[in-house]
Protein backbone atom coordinates (compact mmCIF):
# COMPACT_ATOMS: atom_id res chain seq x y z
CA UNK A 1 39.02 10.92 -14.04
CA UNK A 2 37.55 11.98 -17.39
CA UNK A 3 33.79 11.81 -17.95
CA UNK A 4 34.23 9.27 -20.77
CA UNK A 5 36.20 6.98 -18.41
CA UNK A 6 33.41 6.97 -15.79
CA UNK A 7 30.80 6.46 -18.53
CA UNK A 8 32.80 3.55 -19.94
CA UNK A 9 33.27 1.85 -16.55
CA UNK A 10 29.57 2.30 -15.72
CA UNK A 11 28.73 0.68 -19.07
CA UNK A 12 31.25 -2.12 -18.44
CA UNK A 13 29.68 -2.98 -15.07
CA UNK A 14 26.09 -2.76 -16.36
CA UNK A 15 26.82 -5.18 -19.22
CA UNK A 16 29.10 -7.54 -17.24
CA UNK A 17 32.06 -6.64 -19.43
CA UNK A 18 33.80 -6.42 -16.06
CA UNK A 19 33.21 -9.29 -13.65
CA UNK A 20 34.67 -9.99 -10.23
CA UNK A 21 35.50 -13.36 -8.67
CA UNK A 22 38.29 -15.82 -9.46
CA UNK A 23 39.31 -16.30 -13.09
CA UNK A 24 42.18 -18.29 -14.57
CA UNK A 25 43.81 -16.28 -17.35
CA UNK A 26 45.69 -17.61 -20.40
CA UNK A 27 48.89 -16.77 -18.51
CA UNK A 28 47.85 -19.25 -15.77
CA UNK A 29 47.42 -16.45 -13.22
CA UNK A 30 44.29 -16.36 -11.09
CA UNK A 31 42.80 -12.90 -11.49
CA UNK A 32 40.15 -11.31 -9.22
CA UNK A 33 38.58 -9.65 -12.26
CA UNK A 34 37.78 -10.58 -15.83
CA UNK A 35 37.23 -8.23 -18.75
CA UNK A 36 35.27 -9.26 -21.87
CA UNK A 37 34.28 -6.49 -24.27
CA UNK A 38 32.28 -9.04 -26.30
CA UNK A 39 29.49 -8.54 -23.74
CA UNK A 40 28.66 -5.25 -25.48
CA UNK A 41 26.10 -6.65 -27.88
CA UNK A 42 23.28 -4.15 -28.34
CA UNK A 43 22.99 -1.02 -30.44
CA UNK A 44 22.66 1.40 -27.53
CA UNK A 45 25.61 -0.13 -25.64
CA UNK A 46 27.78 -0.10 -28.78
CA UNK A 47 26.90 3.55 -29.39
CA UNK A 48 28.06 4.45 -25.86
CA UNK A 49 31.25 2.43 -26.32
CA UNK A 50 31.99 4.16 -29.64
CA UNK A 51 31.56 7.55 -27.97
CA UNK A 52 34.04 6.64 -25.21
CA UNK A 53 36.67 5.51 -27.75
CA UNK A 54 36.14 8.66 -29.85
CA UNK A 55 36.57 10.86 -26.77
CA UNK A 56 39.74 9.03 -25.67
CA UNK A 57 41.15 9.54 -29.15
CA UNK A 58 40.31 13.25 -29.15
CA UNK A 59 41.77 13.73 -25.65
CA UNK A 60 45.06 12.16 -26.80
CA UNK A 61 45.46 15.04 -29.23
CA UNK A 62 47.18 13.02 -31.96
CA UNK A 63 46.88 13.73 -35.66
CA UNK A 64 45.50 10.93 -37.82
CA UNK A 65 43.90 10.42 -41.23
CA UNK A 66 41.98 7.16 -40.86
CA UNK A 67 40.98 4.31 -38.54
CA UNK A 68 41.66 0.57 -38.79
CA UNK A 69 39.92 -2.33 -37.00
CA UNK A 70 41.69 -5.71 -36.76
CA UNK A 71 39.43 -8.75 -37.34
CA UNK A 72 37.25 -9.72 -35.66
CA UNK A 73 36.39 -7.60 -32.65
CA UNK A 74 38.02 -4.51 -34.14
CA UNK A 75 35.57 -4.52 -37.06
CA UNK A 76 32.47 -3.57 -35.06
CA UNK A 77 34.53 -1.27 -32.83
CA UNK A 78 36.08 0.73 -35.67
CA UNK A 79 32.61 1.18 -37.20
CA UNK A 80 31.19 2.45 -33.89
CA UNK A 81 34.11 4.86 -33.40
CA UNK A 82 33.80 6.21 -36.96
CA UNK A 83 30.06 6.80 -36.37
CA UNK A 84 30.75 8.53 -33.02
CA UNK A 85 33.31 10.83 -34.66
CA UNK A 86 30.86 11.59 -37.51
CA UNK A 87 28.25 12.64 -34.95
CA UNK A 88 30.83 15.17 -33.70
CA UNK A 89 31.35 16.48 -37.23
CA UNK A 90 34.48 14.50 -38.15
CA UNK A 91 34.09 12.25 -41.19
CA UNK A 92 37.00 9.81 -40.89
CA UNK A 93 37.59 6.94 -43.36
CA UNK A 94 38.08 3.46 -41.94
CA UNK A 95 39.20 -0.01 -43.01
CA UNK A 96 39.47 -3.49 -41.53
CA UNK A 97 40.97 -6.81 -42.49
CA UNK A 98 39.63 -10.27 -43.16
CA UNK A 99 41.38 -13.17 -41.49
CA UNK A 100 41.05 -15.18 -44.73
CA UNK A 101 42.24 -13.76 -48.07
CA UNK A 102 39.37 -13.56 -50.57
CA UNK A 103 40.13 -15.05 -53.97
CA UNK A 104 37.15 -13.60 -55.89
CA UNK A 105 35.64 -10.13 -56.32
CA UNK A 106 38.13 -7.48 -55.26
CA UNK A 107 40.28 -10.10 -53.47
CA UNK A 108 42.82 -9.45 -50.72
CA UNK A 109 42.51 -9.15 -46.96
CA UNK A 110 41.83 -5.40 -46.55
CA UNK A 111 38.31 -3.98 -46.76
CA UNK A 112 37.13 -0.36 -46.74
CA UNK A 113 39.16 2.80 -47.31
CA UNK A 114 42.58 2.30 -48.90
CA UNK A 115 45.19 2.52 -46.12
CA UNK A 116 47.15 5.76 -46.39
CA UNK A 117 48.53 8.48 -44.17
CA UNK A 118 48.48 8.25 -40.36
CA UNK A 119 46.33 5.40 -39.05
CA UNK A 120 44.84 4.76 -35.61
CA UNK A 121 44.12 1.10 -34.85
CA UNK A 122 40.98 0.41 -32.77
CA UNK A 123 40.87 -2.83 -30.74
CA UNK A 124 39.48 -4.27 -27.50
CA UNK A 125 42.30 -5.40 -25.21
CA UNK A 126 45.98 -6.13 -25.57
CA UNK A 127 46.94 -9.57 -24.30
CA UNK A 128 49.75 -11.00 -26.39
CA UNK A 129 49.37 -8.16 -28.91
CA UNK A 130 49.29 -10.60 -31.85
CA UNK A 131 46.35 -8.92 -33.65
CA UNK A 132 47.81 -5.45 -33.13
CA UNK A 133 51.26 -6.44 -34.40
CA UNK A 134 49.67 -8.03 -37.48
CA UNK A 135 47.64 -4.83 -38.06
CA UNK A 136 50.82 -2.71 -37.85
CA UNK A 137 52.55 -5.04 -40.35
CA UNK A 138 49.57 -4.98 -42.75
CA UNK A 139 49.27 -1.20 -42.65
CA UNK A 140 52.98 -0.61 -43.18
CA UNK A 141 53.01 -3.12 -46.06
CA UNK A 142 50.15 -1.09 -47.63
CA UNK A 143 52.21 2.11 -47.36
CA UNK A 144 50.36 3.65 -44.40
CA UNK A 145 51.82 4.86 -41.09
CA UNK A 146 50.25 3.39 -37.92
CA UNK A 147 50.62 6.05 -35.21
CA UNK A 148 48.52 4.76 -32.30
CA UNK A 149 46.20 2.05 -31.07
CA UNK A 150 43.17 2.75 -28.86
CA UNK A 151 42.20 -0.14 -26.57
CA UNK A 152 39.61 -0.47 -23.80
CA UNK A 153 41.77 -1.57 -20.85
CA UNK A 154 45.42 -1.70 -19.89
CA UNK A 155 45.77 -4.42 -17.24
CA UNK A 156 49.23 -2.99 -16.38
CA UNK A 157 50.54 -6.50 -15.75
CA UNK A 158 54.10 -7.77 -16.06
CA UNK A 159 54.70 -10.23 -18.88
CA UNK A 160 57.61 -12.71 -19.21
CA UNK A 161 60.06 -9.85 -19.93
CA UNK A 162 59.03 -7.80 -16.89
CA UNK A 163 57.30 -5.20 -19.07
CA UNK A 164 53.53 -5.01 -19.61
CA UNK A 165 51.88 -5.97 -22.91
CA UNK A 166 51.28 -2.26 -23.60
CA UNK A 167 54.92 -1.32 -22.85
CA UNK A 168 56.17 -4.18 -25.08
CA UNK A 169 53.83 -3.14 -27.89
CA UNK A 170 54.97 0.50 -27.73
CA UNK A 171 58.63 -0.55 -27.65
CA UNK A 172 58.40 -3.14 -30.45
CA UNK A 173 56.14 -1.27 -32.86
CA UNK A 174 56.94 2.38 -32.11
CA UNK A 175 53.23 3.29 -31.90
CA UNK A 176 51.42 4.82 -28.93
CA UNK A 177 48.88 2.65 -27.10
CA UNK A 178 45.98 4.68 -25.68
CA UNK A 179 43.81 2.77 -23.18
CA UNK A 180 40.37 4.11 -22.26
CA UNK A 181 41.16 3.04 -18.70
CA UNK A 182 43.90 1.23 -16.82
CA UNK A 183 43.79 -0.65 -13.51
CA UNK A 184 44.52 2.51 -11.52
CA UNK A 185 41.52 4.27 -13.10
CA UNK A 186 39.44 1.16 -12.46
CA UNK A 187 40.40 1.09 -8.76
CA UNK A 188 39.61 4.81 -8.39
CA UNK A 189 36.17 4.24 -9.89
CA UNK A 190 35.42 1.13 -7.79
CA UNK A 191 36.52 2.96 -4.62
CA UNK A 192 33.68 5.42 -5.20
CA UNK A 193 31.15 2.76 -4.17
CA UNK A 194 30.92 0.69 -7.37
CA UNK A 195 32.36 -2.45 -5.69
CA UNK A 196 32.77 -3.86 -2.19
CA UNK A 197 36.00 -3.45 -0.28
CA UNK A 198 37.00 -7.13 -0.56
CA UNK A 199 36.94 -6.87 -4.39
CA UNK A 200 39.04 -3.68 -4.29
CA UNK A 201 41.52 -5.29 -1.87
CA UNK A 202 41.79 -8.41 -4.08
CA UNK A 203 42.57 -6.31 -7.18
CA UNK A 204 45.13 -4.25 -5.22
CA UNK A 205 46.83 -7.43 -3.96
CA UNK A 206 46.88 -8.90 -7.49
CA UNK A 207 48.46 -5.71 -8.88
CA UNK A 208 51.03 -5.65 -6.06
CA UNK A 209 52.09 -9.14 -7.16
CA UNK A 210 51.85 -8.84 -10.95
CA UNK A 211 51.58 -5.13 -11.75
CA UNK A 212 54.26 -3.10 -13.52
């Protein structure tokens, strides 16, 4: 496990981004864990999160020219990642979108650097992938080339087609999806004493039923 993955999971547990119990998901499944990146809501926590994303991106070894954050959660994330990269000496332009087109001032839905070249999309999780697909469409329409998306967690769960949301996204859009962690990484981390055995067993059983 990479250092940034352990640091991210430690942060996720400290801030209750990751909670254990019994949670009904949008899919109707009852999950033994729930993941909500919106719980990261302080400057220090956001700085740590930005560092983890930046490290995951560097470890992936892909070439890119700019970053893009889909509204709304992606906006704060893309800013944090751009700052983390700048602290490492990489000054990367970034942009984000509004959900509502603006009819005054500069107008339009895109804000920040003009989309061009190879773009990495920064987002929280991939559920239905609606926001990510819209980001890919927006970027391509603007003449840029989306090459990858960095997300926090890959639940590695089967969807209606039998593939996971990440697998479907990669297949449909042709871009790479780079999760900071997936369920296997999560289980490895929890097995090191970060959770009790009943929680670990519940997640394993859930993955045996719904995992890809």
